[in-house]
N, C-alpha and C. Protein backbone atom coordinates (compact mmCIF):
# COMPACT_ATOMS: atom_id res chain seq x y z
N MET A 1 0.93 -1.19 0.44
CA MET A 1 -0.19 0.03 -0.22
C MET A 1 1.44 1.77 0.12
N THR A 2 0.38 1.94 -0.78
CA THR A 2 0.87 3.00 -0.76
C THR A 2 0.40 4.53 0.63
N THR A 3 1.60 5.01 0.83
CA THR A 3 1.49 6.37 2.43
C THR A 3 0.10 7.44 1.36
N ARG A 4 -0.80 7.53 2.19
CA ARG A 4 -0.84 8.48 1.61
C ARG A 4 -1.39 9.86 2.43
N THR A 5 -1.22 11.08 1.77
CA THR A 5 -1.29 12.29 2.63
C THR A 5 -2.37 13.63 3.56
N PHE A 6 -2.21 13.82 4.79
CA PHE A 6 -3.59 14.46 4.07
C PHE A 6 -3.00 16.06 4.72
N ARG A 7 -3.76 16.96 4.03
CA ARG A 7 -3.44 17.76 4.87
C ARG A 7 -4.36 18.67 5.34
N ILE A 8 -4.86 18.60 6.56
CA ILE A 8 -5.63 19.05 8.24
C ILE A 8 -5.18 20.64 8.37
N MET A 9 -7.02 21.32 8.59
CA MET A 9 -7.06 23.15 8.83
C MET A 9 -7.66 22.26 10.00
N VAL A 10 -6.53 22.54 10.89
CA VAL A 10 -7.68 22.94 13.27
C VAL A 10 -7.66 24.51 13.22
N ARG A 11 -9.61 24.36 12.76
CA ARG A 11 -9.55 26.15 13.00
C ARG A 11 -9.28 26.63 15.16
N GLY A 12 -10.19 28.18 15.48
CA GLY A 12 -10.29 27.52 16.28
C GLY A 12 -10.84 29.32 16.94
N SER A 13 -10.55 29.70 17.95
CA SER A 13 -10.13 30.96 18.25
C SER A 13 -9.62 31.45 19.39
N PHE A 14 -9.31 31.98 20.60
CA PHE A 14 -7.97 32.49 21.18
C PHE A 14 -9.15 32.72 22.29
N ASP A 15 -9.92 32.36 23.45
CA ASP A 15 -10.98 32.42 24.73
C ASP A 15 -10.05 33.09 26.11
N ALA A 16 -9.99 34.22 25.91
CA ALA A 16 -10.08 34.05 27.73
C ALA A 16 -8.44 35.53 27.49
N LEU A 17 -8.38 35.60 26.46
CA LEU A 17 -6.24 35.78 26.88
C LEU A 17 -6.15 36.47 28.13
N THR A 18 -4.97 37.01 29.22
CA THR A 18 -4.59 37.61 29.80
C THR A 18 -4.14 38.43 28.24
N PRO A 19 -4.15 40.06 29.05
CA PRO A 19 -2.52 41.17 28.39
C PRO A 19 -1.09 40.40 28.36
N GLU A 20 -1.27 40.03 29.65
CA GLU A 20 0.15 38.50 29.10
C GLU A 20 0.37 38.38 27.55
N GLN A 21 -0.71 37.52 27.93
CA GLN A 21 -0.89 36.36 26.72
C GLN A 21 -0.49 37.34 25.29
N HIS A 22 -1.63 37.68 25.49
CA HIS A 22 -2.47 38.68 24.17
C HIS A 22 -0.41 39.18 23.68
N ALA A 23 -0.16 39.55 24.42
CA ALA A 23 0.75 41.38 24.02
C ALA A 23 2.10 39.41 23.74
N GLU A 24 1.91 37.93 24.42
CA GLU A 24 2.85 37.26 24.39
C GLU A 24 2.94 37.12 22.86
N LEU A 25 1.69 36.13 21.93
CA LEU A 25 1.35 36.15 21.20
C LEU A 25 1.42 37.54 19.76
N THR A 26 1.62 39.01 20.64
CA THR A 26 1.92 39.16 19.87
C THR A 26 2.90 40.14 18.84
N ALA A 27 3.97 39.57 19.91
CA ALA A 27 4.90 40.40 20.01
C ALA A 27 5.81 39.25 19.24
N ALA A 28 4.90 37.80 19.01
CA ALA A 28 5.52 36.07 18.14
C ALA A 28 4.50 36.33 17.31
N ALA A 29 3.58 37.62 16.54
CA ALA A 29 3.02 36.76 15.04
C ALA A 29 3.83 37.57 14.10
N ALA A 30 4.32 37.73 14.13
CA ALA A 30 5.54 37.69 13.00
C ALA A 30 5.88 35.76 11.64
N GLU A 31 5.88 35.59 12.78
CA GLU A 31 6.42 34.39 12.41
C GLU A 31 5.33 33.50 12.31
N HIS A 32 3.33 34.21 12.61
CA HIS A 32 2.41 32.98 12.55
C HIS A 32 2.15 34.16 11.78
N ASP A 33 2.20 34.76 10.90
CA ASP A 33 1.67 35.44 9.48
C ASP A 33 0.83 34.71 8.93
N VAL A 34 -0.04 34.72 8.42
CA VAL A 34 -0.17 33.65 7.40
C VAL A 34 0.40 34.24 5.81
N LEU A 35 0.96 34.50 5.52
CA LEU A 35 1.77 34.91 3.86
C LEU A 35 3.01 34.06 5.02
N HIS A 36 3.42 32.52 5.74
CA HIS A 36 4.73 31.94 5.86
C HIS A 36 3.92 30.29 6.20
N ALA A 37 2.11 30.68 6.25
CA ALA A 37 1.65 29.68 5.78
C ALA A 37 2.36 28.46 5.67
N ARG A 38 2.19 27.18 5.87
CA ARG A 38 2.40 26.25 5.72
C ARG A 38 2.36 24.77 7.44
N PHE A 39 2.18 23.78 5.41
CA PHE A 39 2.10 22.61 6.28
C PHE A 39 3.02 21.63 7.11
N THR A 40 3.16 21.24 8.31
CA THR A 40 3.86 20.14 8.14
C THR A 40 3.43 19.95 9.83
N ASP A 41 4.44 18.50 9.27
CA ASP A 41 3.48 16.90 10.45
C ASP A 41 3.78 17.79 11.74
N GLU A 42 4.68 18.74 12.53
CA GLU A 42 3.90 19.38 13.90
C GLU A 42 3.24 20.22 14.06
N GLY A 43 2.53 21.43 12.30
CA GLY A 43 1.86 22.08 12.70
C GLY A 43 2.13 23.25 12.83
N HIS A 44 1.65 23.70 11.59
CA HIS A 44 2.40 24.81 11.84
C HIS A 44 1.46 26.17 12.33
N LEU A 45 1.23 27.21 12.99
CA LEU A 45 0.46 28.02 14.00
C LEU A 45 -0.35 29.27 12.47
N THR A 46 -1.00 29.93 12.28
CA THR A 46 -1.03 31.38 12.49
C THR A 46 -1.71 31.59 12.40
N TYR A 47 -2.10 33.71 12.65
CA TYR A 47 -3.07 34.20 13.93
C TYR A 47 -3.25 35.38 12.91
N ASP A 48 -3.97 36.84 13.28
CA ASP A 48 -3.56 37.60 13.26
C ASP A 48 -4.48 38.26 14.52
N LEU A 49 -3.58 38.19 16.21
CA LEU A 49 -4.21 39.15 16.94
C LEU A 49 -4.79 40.55 16.71
N SER A 50 -4.28 40.91 15.32
CA SER A 50 -4.59 42.47 15.25
C SER A 50 -5.96 42.83 15.05
N ALA A 51 -6.55 42.35 14.12
CA ALA A 51 -7.27 41.92 13.76
C ALA A 51 -8.79 41.12 13.77
N ARG A 52 -7.95 40.46 14.52
CA ARG A 52 -9.48 39.18 14.73
C ARG A 52 -9.01 38.15 16.16
N PRO A 53 -9.62 37.07 16.56
CA PRO A 53 -8.77 36.06 17.70
C PRO A 53 -8.92 34.93 16.97
N PHE A 54 -8.56 34.43 15.50
CA PHE A 54 -9.00 33.36 15.36
C PHE A 54 -7.38 32.43 14.75
N PHE A 55 -7.09 31.49 15.35
CA PHE A 55 -6.31 30.92 14.74
C PHE A 55 -6.51 30.09 13.81
N THR A 56 -4.87 29.06 12.97
CA THR A 56 -5.25 28.00 12.12
C THR A 56 -3.78 27.26 12.34
N PHE A 57 -3.67 26.21 12.39
CA PHE A 57 -2.97 25.07 12.18
C PHE A 57 -3.04 24.07 11.62
N ARG A 58 -1.87 24.62 11.21
CA ARG A 58 -1.48 23.02 9.75
C ARG A 58 -1.22 21.73 9.43
N PHE A 59 -1.42 20.89 9.74
CA PHE A 59 -0.96 19.75 9.68
C PHE A 59 -1.00 19.08 8.91
N LEU A 60 0.25 18.07 8.94
CA LEU A 60 0.88 17.13 7.82
C LEU A 60 0.39 16.10 8.38
N GLU A 61 0.02 14.98 8.28
CA GLU A 61 -1.14 13.83 8.43
C GLU A 61 -0.54 12.71 7.86
N TYR A 62 -0.11 10.98 8.06
CA TYR A 62 -0.11 10.09 6.93
C TYR A 62 -1.29 9.29 6.98
N GLY A 63 -1.53 8.52 6.43
CA GLY A 63 -2.36 7.17 5.72
C GLY A 63 -2.50 6.21 5.23
N GLU A 64 -2.85 5.53 5.47
CA GLU A 64 -2.49 4.15 4.73
C GLU A 64 -3.93 4.57 2.97
N ALA A 65 -4.99 4.14 3.97
CA ALA A 65 -6.83 4.49 3.67
C ALA A 65 -7.32 5.32 3.58
N GLU A 66 -7.83 6.02 1.93
CA GLU A 66 -9.33 6.45 2.87
C GLU A 66 -9.54 7.42 4.00
N GLU A 67 -9.66 6.09 5.04
CA GLU A 67 -10.52 6.21 5.93
C GLU A 67 -9.88 6.76 7.26
N ASP A 68 -8.62 6.12 6.83
CA ASP A 68 -7.37 7.00 7.74
C ASP A 68 -7.58 9.05 8.08
N VAL A 69 -8.27 9.46 6.93
CA VAL A 69 -8.60 10.82 7.05
C VAL A 69 -8.94 10.69 8.77
N VAL A 70 -9.57 10.36 9.14
CA VAL A 70 -10.61 10.78 10.73
C VAL A 70 -9.54 9.81 12.00
N ALA A 71 -9.28 9.34 11.65
CA ALA A 71 -7.84 9.38 12.48
C ALA A 71 -7.22 10.25 13.17
N ALA A 72 -6.07 10.72 11.77
CA ALA A 72 -5.64 11.65 11.14
C ALA A 72 -5.65 13.27 11.70
N SER A 73 -7.52 13.59 11.44
CA SER A 73 -8.19 14.88 11.43
C SER A 73 -8.31 15.30 14.21
N VAL A 74 -8.03 13.23 14.29
CA VAL A 74 -8.27 13.43 15.06
C VAL A 74 -6.92 14.14 16.00
N ARG A 75 -6.31 13.19 15.85
CA ARG A 75 -4.55 13.31 15.96
C ARG A 75 -4.06 15.27 15.45
N ALA A 76 -4.55 15.70 15.18
CA ALA A 76 -4.46 17.02 14.68
C ALA A 76 -5.16 17.65 14.95
N GLU A 77 -6.22 17.25 16.70
CA GLU A 77 -7.01 18.43 16.91
C GLU A 77 -6.40 18.80 17.67
N THR A 78 -6.15 17.00 18.46
CA THR A 78 -5.14 16.29 19.69
C THR A 78 -4.29 17.46 19.55
N ALA A 79 -3.32 17.84 18.56
CA ALA A 79 -2.36 18.15 19.15
C ALA A 79 -2.23 20.15 19.19
N ALA A 80 -2.79 20.50 18.30
CA ALA A 80 -3.57 21.66 18.29
C ALA A 80 -4.11 21.87 19.72
N GLU A 81 -4.94 21.27 20.73
CA GLU A 81 -4.88 21.12 21.84
C GLU A 81 -4.27 20.94 23.18
N LEU A 82 -3.41 20.23 22.95
CA LEU A 82 -1.69 20.73 23.91
C LEU A 82 -0.97 21.64 23.02
N TRP A 83 -0.37 21.79 22.40
CA TRP A 83 0.50 23.28 21.77
C TRP A 83 -0.57 24.17 22.97
N LEU A 84 -1.81 25.05 22.71
CA LEU A 84 -2.41 25.74 23.63
C LEU A 84 -2.45 25.73 24.63
N THR A 85 -2.86 24.38 25.33
CA THR A 85 -2.85 24.15 26.35
C THR A 85 -2.00 24.05 27.80
N ASP A 86 -0.75 23.49 26.51
CA ASP A 86 1.11 24.05 26.88
C ASP A 86 1.08 25.30 27.12
N ARG A 87 0.79 26.07 26.71
CA ARG A 87 1.39 27.31 26.76
C ARG A 87 0.09 28.00 27.50
N GLY A 88 -0.46 27.10 28.41
CA GLY A 88 -1.72 28.28 28.89
C GLY A 88 -2.66 29.03 28.62
N TYR A 89 -3.31 28.60 27.08
CA TYR A 89 -4.14 29.58 26.23
C TYR A 89 -5.21 29.09 26.13
N GLY A 90 -6.44 29.94 26.08
CA GLY A 90 -7.38 29.31 26.55
C GLY A 90 -8.18 29.55 24.66
N TYR A 91 -9.18 29.11 24.33
CA TYR A 91 -8.52 28.71 23.06
C TYR A 91 -10.87 27.69 23.42
N LYS A 92 -11.86 28.01 21.98
CA LYS A 92 -12.69 28.11 21.68
C LYS A 92 -13.43 27.86 20.65
N ASN A 93 -13.87 27.21 19.68
CA ASN A 93 -14.39 26.61 18.65
C ASN A 93 -13.47 25.53 17.43
N LEU A 94 -13.00 24.52 17.98
CA LEU A 94 -11.91 23.95 17.51
C LEU A 94 -12.65 23.79 16.34
N LYS A 95 -12.48 22.84 15.52
CA LYS A 95 -12.51 22.51 14.71
C LYS A 95 -11.63 22.27 13.14
N SER A 96 -11.90 21.05 12.36
CA SER A 96 -10.97 20.49 11.61
C SER A 96 -11.58 20.43 10.16
N GLN A 97 -10.26 20.61 9.19
CA GLN A 97 -11.00 20.42 8.01
C GLN A 97 -10.29 19.53 7.35
N ALA A 98 -10.30 17.96 6.29
CA ALA A 98 -9.11 17.56 6.12
C ALA A 98 -9.24 17.64 3.98
N GLN A 99 -7.97 17.39 3.87
CA GLN A 99 -7.85 17.33 2.84
C GLN A 99 -7.52 16.38 2.18
N ASP A 100 -7.34 14.81 1.78
CA ASP A 100 -6.59 14.05 1.41
C ASP A 100 -6.41 14.56 -0.04
N MET A 101 -4.26 14.44 -0.42
CA MET A 101 -3.77 14.68 -1.16
C MET A 101 -4.27 13.83 -2.47
N ALA A 102 -4.99 12.88 -2.65
CA ALA A 102 -4.40 11.50 -3.20
C ALA A 102 -5.98 11.74 -4.58
N LEU A 103 -6.51 12.79 -2.88
CA LEU A 103 -7.87 12.94 -4.39
C LEU A 103 -8.29 13.89 -4.53
N ALA A 104 -7.28 14.77 -4.35
CA ALA A 104 -7.44 16.24 -4.89
C ALA A 104 -7.17 16.60 -6.28
N ALA A 105 -8.50 17.78 -6.29
CA ALA A 105 -8.16 17.70 -8.00
C ALA A 105 -6.88 18.21 -8.35
N VAL A 106 -6.70 17.58 -9.38
CA VAL A 106 -5.01 18.05 -10.21
C VAL A 106 -5.53 19.14 -11.59
N GLY A 107 -4.83 20.16 -11.59
CA GLY A 107 -4.54 21.33 -12.19
C GLY A 107 -5.22 20.76 -13.60
N ALA A 108 -4.22 21.40 -14.74
CA ALA A 108 -4.87 21.86 -16.61
C ALA A 108 -2.88 21.32 -16.24
N ARG A 109 -2.44 21.48 -15.56
CA ARG A 109 -0.57 21.62 -15.67
C ARG A 109 -1.04 19.71 -15.60
N GLY A 110 -1.16 19.28 -14.53
CA GLY A 110 -0.90 18.10 -13.82
C GLY A 110 -1.91 16.29 -14.90
N LYS A 111 -3.24 17.42 -15.43
CA LYS A 111 -4.10 16.20 -16.47
C LYS A 111 -3.44 15.86 -17.07
N GLN A 112 -2.22 17.09 -18.09
CA GLN A 112 -1.80 17.03 -19.25
C GLN A 112 -0.32 16.31 -19.13
N GLU A 113 -0.12 15.52 -17.99
CA GLU A 113 1.16 15.11 -18.21
C GLU A 113 0.48 13.90 -17.65
N ALA A 114 -0.78 13.64 -16.58
CA ALA A 114 -1.84 12.47 -16.58
C ALA A 114 -1.41 11.89 -17.94
N ARG A 115 -2.46 12.40 -18.98
CA ARG A 115 -2.59 11.82 -20.24
C ARG A 115 -0.95 11.64 -21.24
N ARG A 116 -0.26 12.90 -21.26
CA ARG A 116 1.84 11.38 -21.45
C ARG A 116 1.34 10.34 -21.10
N LYS A 117 1.32 10.11 -19.46
CA LYS A 117 2.53 9.72 -19.02
C LYS A 117 1.22 7.55 -19.23
N GLY A 118 -0.02 8.27 -19.72
CA GLY A 118 -0.61 7.04 -19.16
C GLY A 118 -1.47 7.03 -20.33
C-alpha cells in the first residue's frame, strides 16, 4: 500500500487571554503570519490578533487508506489542543477540515502530464 498524505487545518479562536498572553502572542506574530503559512508534520500556527482572535494550525498527517483521514484529523486536533493547553492559552470552537491529497483535484498542467504518461 502507498502512504497517503492528508492536509489538515484546525481552526479555532483564542478565548479569555490574559494581557500577558496577548502581548506574548502579539510579540511572536511575525512568525505566525498567514503569508508564511505551510503544512508541517508538527503543525504550523497562523493568526492575526490585531484583526481578530482566530487561529489556524496546518498539519501534515499520513495514512494508508482514505478512511485514515478521520484518525489523522483527531491527531491534529489533539496536537493543537496540547500546544494551546501547554502554553495556557484559552481557546474555543475548535474544528478541523482535512483534504486527502490523493483525491485532490489535479490542475490543467497535472492532467496534461497524466495523459502523456498514461
